[in-house]
Amino acid sequence: MRKHQLLSIVIPAYNEGLRVTDTFSALLNFVNELALDWEIIIIDDNSNDRTQGIINKWIFNNIILIYIL
């Protein structure tokens, strides 16, 4: 019997507002091709740019993300 597989991707984020959208897009293209369940965990070290707002927009649009401030 095959065990349930979960891929966890952990991304540190500090002032990544300029890169976070491209990173999420590339990751989503990748994980959606897999036959696995997945989660993306973002750890934000108190960014002072637009990182938090951009991540919250992705979460609002029902993307499976776990956001840790």
N, C-alpha and C. Protein backbone atom coordinates (compact mmCIF):
# COMPACT_ATOMS: atom_id res chain seq x y z
N MET A 1 0.83 -1.17 0.00
CA MET A 1 0.00 0.00 0.00
C MET A 1 0.88 1.25 0.00
N ARG A 2 0.58 2.18 -0.86
CA ARG A 2 1.37 3.40 -0.98
C ARG A 2 0.94 4.42 0.08
N LYS A 3 1.93 5.03 0.72
CA LYS A 3 1.65 6.03 1.73
C LYS A 3 1.30 7.36 1.08
N HIS A 4 0.50 8.15 1.79
CA HIS A 4 0.15 9.50 1.36
C HIS A 4 1.41 10.35 1.32
N GLN A 5 1.64 11.06 0.24
CA GLN A 5 2.83 11.89 0.11
C GLN A 5 2.44 13.36 0.11
N LEU A 6 3.19 14.15 0.87
CA LEU A 6 2.98 15.58 0.95
C LEU A 6 4.32 16.27 0.72
N LEU A 7 4.33 17.20 -0.21
CA LEU A 7 5.51 18.00 -0.47
C LEU A 7 5.34 19.34 0.24
N SER A 8 6.26 19.67 1.13
CA SER A 8 6.25 20.96 1.83
C SER A 8 7.40 21.79 1.30
N ILE A 9 7.08 22.98 0.82
CA ILE A 9 8.09 23.90 0.31
C ILE A 9 8.14 25.08 1.27
N VAL A 10 9.32 25.33 1.85
CA VAL A 10 9.49 26.41 2.81
C VAL A 10 10.29 27.52 2.15
N ILE A 11 9.74 28.74 2.19
CA ILE A 11 10.38 29.88 1.54
C ILE A 11 10.62 30.97 2.59
N PRO A 12 11.88 31.31 2.85
CA PRO A 12 12.13 32.47 3.69
C PRO A 12 11.91 33.73 2.86
N ALA A 13 11.33 34.76 3.47
CA ALA A 13 11.04 35.98 2.72
C ALA A 13 11.37 37.19 3.58
N TYR A 14 12.29 37.97 3.11
CA TYR A 14 12.58 39.26 3.74
C TYR A 14 12.72 40.28 2.63
N ASN A 15 11.79 41.20 2.55
CA ASN A 15 11.78 42.22 1.50
C ASN A 15 11.89 41.60 0.11
N GLU A 16 11.03 40.64 -0.16
CA GLU A 16 11.02 39.94 -1.45
C GLU A 16 9.87 40.39 -2.34
N GLY A 17 9.34 41.57 -2.09
CA GLY A 17 8.20 42.06 -2.86
C GLY A 17 8.41 42.06 -4.37
N LEU A 18 9.63 42.29 -4.81
CA LEU A 18 9.91 42.31 -6.25
C LEU A 18 9.97 40.91 -6.86
N ARG A 19 10.20 39.89 -6.04
CA ARG A 19 10.39 38.53 -6.57
C ARG A 19 9.29 37.55 -6.21
N VAL A 20 8.49 37.86 -5.20
CA VAL A 20 7.57 36.86 -4.66
C VAL A 20 6.52 36.40 -5.66
N THR A 21 5.99 37.27 -6.49
CA THR A 21 4.97 36.88 -7.47
C THR A 21 5.55 35.91 -8.50
N ASP A 22 6.72 36.20 -9.03
CA ASP A 22 7.35 35.28 -9.99
C ASP A 22 7.68 33.94 -9.33
N THR A 23 8.12 33.99 -8.09
CA THR A 23 8.44 32.76 -7.37
C THR A 23 7.20 31.90 -7.20
N PHE A 24 6.08 32.49 -6.74
CA PHE A 24 4.85 31.73 -6.57
C PHE A 24 4.35 31.17 -7.89
N SER A 25 4.39 31.96 -8.93
CA SER A 25 3.93 31.49 -10.24
C SER A 25 4.72 30.28 -10.70
N ALA A 26 6.04 30.36 -10.59
CA ALA A 26 6.89 29.24 -11.00
C ALA A 26 6.64 28.01 -10.13
N LEU A 27 6.51 28.21 -8.83
CA LEU A 27 6.25 27.08 -7.94
C LEU A 27 4.91 26.43 -8.23
N LEU A 28 3.89 27.23 -8.44
CA LEU A 28 2.56 26.67 -8.72
C LEU A 28 2.55 25.89 -10.02
N ASN A 29 3.24 26.38 -11.03
CA ASN A 29 3.36 25.62 -12.28
C ASN A 29 4.02 24.27 -12.03
N PHE A 30 5.04 24.25 -11.18
CA PHE A 30 5.75 23.02 -10.87
C PHE A 30 4.89 22.05 -10.06
N VAL A 31 4.34 22.51 -8.94
CA VAL A 31 3.63 21.58 -8.05
C VAL A 31 2.33 21.07 -8.65
N ASN A 32 1.71 21.84 -9.50
CA ASN A 32 0.46 21.39 -10.11
C ASN A 32 0.69 20.25 -11.10
N GLU A 33 1.92 20.04 -11.51
CA GLU A 33 2.25 18.93 -12.41
C GLU A 33 2.52 17.64 -11.64
N LEU A 34 2.65 17.73 -10.34
CA LEU A 34 3.00 16.58 -9.52
C LEU A 34 1.75 15.81 -9.09
N ALA A 35 1.95 14.53 -8.85
CA ALA A 35 0.86 13.70 -8.33
C ALA A 35 0.99 13.61 -6.80
N LEU A 36 1.16 14.76 -6.18
CA LEU A 36 1.33 14.84 -4.73
C LEU A 36 0.44 15.94 -4.17
N ASP A 37 0.13 15.82 -2.91
CA ASP A 37 -0.43 16.95 -2.20
C ASP A 37 0.73 17.85 -1.82
N TRP A 38 0.48 19.14 -1.70
CA TRP A 38 1.58 20.05 -1.42
C TRP A 38 1.10 21.22 -0.58
N GLU A 39 2.08 21.88 0.02
CA GLU A 39 1.84 23.11 0.75
C GLU A 39 3.04 24.00 0.57
N ILE A 40 2.81 25.29 0.60
CA ILE A 40 3.89 26.27 0.54
C ILE A 40 3.86 27.05 1.84
N ILE A 41 4.98 27.06 2.52
CA ILE A 41 5.10 27.76 3.80
C ILE A 41 6.04 28.93 3.60
N ILE A 42 5.55 30.13 3.87
CA ILE A 42 6.38 31.33 3.74
C ILE A 42 6.67 31.86 5.13
N ILE A 43 7.93 32.08 5.41
CA ILE A 43 8.33 32.66 6.68
C ILE A 43 8.89 34.04 6.40
N ASP A 44 8.18 35.05 6.85
CA ASP A 44 8.54 36.44 6.59
C ASP A 44 9.20 37.01 7.84
N ASP A 45 10.41 37.47 7.69
CA ASP A 45 11.18 38.01 8.81
C ASP A 45 10.96 39.52 8.94
N ASN A 46 9.66 39.90 9.08
CA ASN A 46 9.29 41.29 9.31
C ASN A 46 9.70 42.22 8.16
N SER A 47 9.34 41.84 6.95
CA SER A 47 9.64 42.67 5.78
C SER A 47 9.05 44.07 5.94
N ASN A 48 9.74 45.05 5.37
CA ASN A 48 9.22 46.42 5.41
C ASN A 48 8.94 46.95 4.00
N ASP A 49 8.72 46.02 3.07
CA ASP A 49 8.30 46.40 1.72
C ASP A 49 6.91 45.83 1.46
N ARG A 50 6.57 45.52 0.24
CA ARG A 50 5.22 45.05 -0.12
C ARG A 50 5.05 43.54 0.01
N THR A 51 6.02 42.84 0.55
CA THR A 51 5.96 41.38 0.62
C THR A 51 4.68 40.89 1.28
N GLN A 52 4.34 41.41 2.45
CA GLN A 52 3.17 40.93 3.17
C GLN A 52 1.89 41.15 2.38
N GLY A 53 1.72 42.30 1.77
CA GLY A 53 0.52 42.57 0.99
C GLY A 53 0.39 41.64 -0.20
N ILE A 54 1.48 41.37 -0.86
CA ILE A 54 1.45 40.48 -2.03
C ILE A 54 1.10 39.06 -1.60
N ILE A 55 1.71 38.59 -0.52
CA ILE A 55 1.41 37.24 -0.03
C ILE A 55 -0.04 37.15 0.40
N ASN A 56 -0.54 38.16 1.09
CA ASN A 56 -1.95 38.14 1.51
C ASN A 56 -2.89 38.09 0.31
N LYS A 57 -2.53 38.74 -0.79
CA LYS A 57 -3.36 38.69 -2.00
C LYS A 57 -3.40 37.26 -2.55
N TRP A 58 -2.28 36.56 -2.55
CA TRP A 58 -2.26 35.17 -3.00
C TRP A 58 -3.11 34.29 -2.10
N ILE A 59 -3.02 34.52 -0.79
CA ILE A 59 -3.83 33.74 0.15
C ILE A 59 -5.31 34.02 -0.09
N PHE A 60 -5.68 35.27 -0.29
CA PHE A 60 -7.06 35.65 -0.54
C PHE A 60 -7.62 34.96 -1.78
N ASN A 61 -6.77 34.73 -2.76
CA ASN A 61 -7.19 34.09 -4.00
C ASN A 61 -7.18 32.57 -3.90
N ASN A 62 -7.23 32.06 -2.66
CA ASN A 62 -7.37 30.62 -2.38
C ASN A 62 -6.18 29.77 -2.78
N ILE A 63 -5.02 30.37 -2.86
CA ILE A 63 -3.82 29.59 -3.06
C ILE A 63 -3.45 28.98 -1.71
N ILE A 64 -3.01 27.73 -1.71
CA ILE A 64 -2.69 27.06 -0.45
C ILE A 64 -1.32 27.52 0.03
N LEU A 65 -1.35 28.44 0.97
CA LEU A 65 -0.13 28.98 1.55
C LEU A 65 -0.27 29.03 3.06
N ILE A 66 0.81 28.84 3.73
CA ILE A 66 0.88 29.05 5.17
C ILE A 66 1.87 30.19 5.36
N TYR A 67 1.41 31.26 6.00
CA TYR A 67 2.22 32.47 6.11
C TYR A 67 2.56 32.71 7.58
N ILE A 68 3.85 32.73 7.88
CA ILE A 68 4.32 32.93 9.24
C ILE A 68 5.09 34.24 9.30
N LEU A 69 4.62 35.13 10.16
CA LEU A 69 5.32 36.41 10.35
C LEU A 69 6.26 36.32 11.52
